[in-house]
Amino acid sequence: QSQKPAETAEAAGSQGKLWEMHNKLFDHREALDDASLVQYADELGLDITQFLKDLATHAHLTRIQTDVDSGLQYGVAETPTFIIGVRHEGTDNLEDFVQQIMQVALSNGH
């Protein structure tokens, strides 16, 4: 179920609007039908012809699959998962996550 939203975000990203589209998809995760996706692209001022071409040809699928394969290689079971010298899955305890990052940064002299 996440392939189409991932391709949508990447298609928007190729036009410099990845995070804007990411936020729209997250805010409207109950409305990810084709008409809604085109509406979001239009709201972001994307070139709709290029956007639709990217989706129709799965132009960004190889990159997405590479990310998926990498996640599987590292045992990622849920999103979001961050691997930055420490491993933290989910978003239940961000304070603990930030503390872990700070400990790694301090131990590396940063």
Protein backbone atom coordinates (compact mmCIF):
# COMPACT_ATOMS: atom_id res chain seq x y z
CA GLN A 1 0.00 0.00 0.00
CA SER A 2 2.94 2.33 0.35
CA GLN A 3 4.36 2.00 -3.17
CA LYS A 4 2.01 4.51 -4.79
CA PRO A 5 2.53 7.18 -2.09
CA ALA A 6 6.29 6.60 -2.27
CA GLU A 7 6.28 7.02 -6.04
CA THR A 8 4.09 10.11 -5.66
CA ALA A 9 6.49 11.70 -3.19
CA GLU A 10 9.48 10.89 -5.40
CA ALA A 11 7.73 12.30 -8.48
CA ALA A 12 7.11 15.50 -6.54
CA GLY A 13 10.70 15.39 -5.32
CA SER A 14 11.99 15.37 -8.87
CA GLN A 15 10.33 18.78 -9.11
CA GLY A 16 11.72 20.01 -5.80
CA LYS A 17 8.62 19.33 -3.69
CA LEU A 18 9.33 16.00 -1.97
CA TRP A 19 8.71 17.12 1.61
CA GLU A 20 5.71 19.24 0.68
CA MET A 21 4.13 16.20 -0.98
CA HIS A 22 5.21 13.97 1.90
CA ASN A 23 3.34 16.24 4.29
CA LYS A 24 0.21 16.28 2.10
CA LEU A 25 0.23 12.49 1.83
CA PHE A 26 0.66 12.13 5.58
CA ASP A 27 -2.05 14.69 6.35
CA HIS A 28 -4.46 13.04 3.89
CA ARG A 29 -3.48 9.37 4.25
CA GLU A 30 -7.15 8.40 4.00
CA ALA A 31 -7.37 9.96 0.50
CA LEU A 32 -4.67 8.47 -1.71
CA ASP A 33 -6.75 7.74 -4.80
CA ASP A 34 -5.47 8.91 -8.18
CA ALA A 35 -7.69 12.01 -8.31
CA SER A 36 -6.51 13.12 -4.88
CA LEU A 37 -2.86 12.62 -5.79
CA VAL A 38 -3.27 14.78 -8.89
CA GLN A 39 -5.06 17.40 -6.79
CA TYR A 40 -2.14 17.50 -4.32
CA ALA A 41 0.33 17.84 -7.19
CA ASP A 42 -1.71 20.70 -8.61
CA GLU A 43 -1.88 22.40 -5.20
CA LEU A 44 1.92 22.22 -5.03
CA GLY A 45 2.25 23.78 -8.47
CA LEU A 46 3.87 20.73 -10.05
CA ASP A 47 4.10 20.15 -13.78
CA ILE A 48 1.16 17.74 -13.93
CA THR A 49 2.18 16.23 -17.27
CA GLN A 50 5.63 15.31 -15.92
CA PHE A 51 4.13 14.15 -12.62
CA LEU A 52 1.70 11.80 -14.39
CA LYS A 53 4.44 10.54 -16.71
CA ASP A 54 6.66 9.72 -13.71
CA LEU A 55 3.83 7.77 -12.07
CA ALA A 56 2.76 5.98 -15.26
CA THR A 57 6.31 4.85 -16.10
CA HIS A 58 7.26 4.12 -12.46
CA ALA A 59 10.25 6.41 -13.02
CA HIS A 60 11.32 6.31 -9.37
CA LEU A 61 10.57 2.68 -8.56
CA THR A 62 14.19 1.53 -8.74
CA ARG A 63 15.26 4.10 -6.13
CA ILE A 64 12.34 3.19 -3.88
CA GLN A 65 13.13 -0.52 -4.18
CA THR A 66 16.76 0.18 -3.31
CA ASP A 67 15.59 1.93 -0.12
CA VAL A 68 13.25 -0.95 0.71
CA ASP A 69 16.00 -3.52 0.12
CA SER A 70 18.39 -1.54 2.30
CA GLY A 71 15.82 -1.39 5.09
CA LEU A 72 15.23 -5.12 4.87
CA GLN A 73 18.98 -5.75 4.97
CA TYR A 74 19.17 -3.82 8.24
CA GLY A 75 16.10 -5.50 9.72
CA VAL A 76 13.75 -2.53 9.55
CA ALA A 77 10.31 -3.73 10.56
CA GLU A 78 8.40 -0.44 10.85
CA THR A 79 8.56 3.17 9.82
CA PRO A 80 9.87 5.52 10.74
CA THR A 81 13.17 3.85 11.65
CA PHE A 82 16.34 5.87 12.02
CA ILE A 83 19.84 4.39 11.94
CA ILE A 84 22.39 7.05 12.89
CA GLY A 85 25.02 5.21 14.87
CA VAL A 86 22.12 4.02 17.03
CA ARG A 87 18.92 2.29 16.15
CA HIS A 88 15.50 3.63 17.06
CA GLU A 89 12.20 2.33 15.69
CA GLY A 90 8.85 4.06 15.86
CA THR A 91 8.15 7.42 17.42
CA ASP A 92 7.01 6.51 20.93
CA ASN A 93 10.00 7.93 22.79
CA LEU A 94 11.75 10.67 20.86
CA GLU A 95 13.44 12.03 23.98
CA ASP A 96 15.30 8.73 24.37
CA PHE A 97 16.20 8.82 20.67
CA VAL A 98 17.65 12.33 20.92
CA GLN A 99 19.67 11.32 23.98
CA GLN A 100 21.09 8.34 22.09
CA ILE A 101 22.09 10.57 19.17
CA MET A 102 23.75 13.05 21.53
CA GLN A 103 25.73 10.24 23.20
CA VAL A 104 26.99 9.01 19.81
CA ALA A 105 27.87 12.57 18.74
CA LEU A 106 29.73 13.24 21.99
CA SER A 107 31.62 9.95 21.78
CA ASN A 108 32.73 10.92 18.25
CA GLY A 109 34.04 14.29 19.45
CA HIS A 110 31.22 16.45 18.04
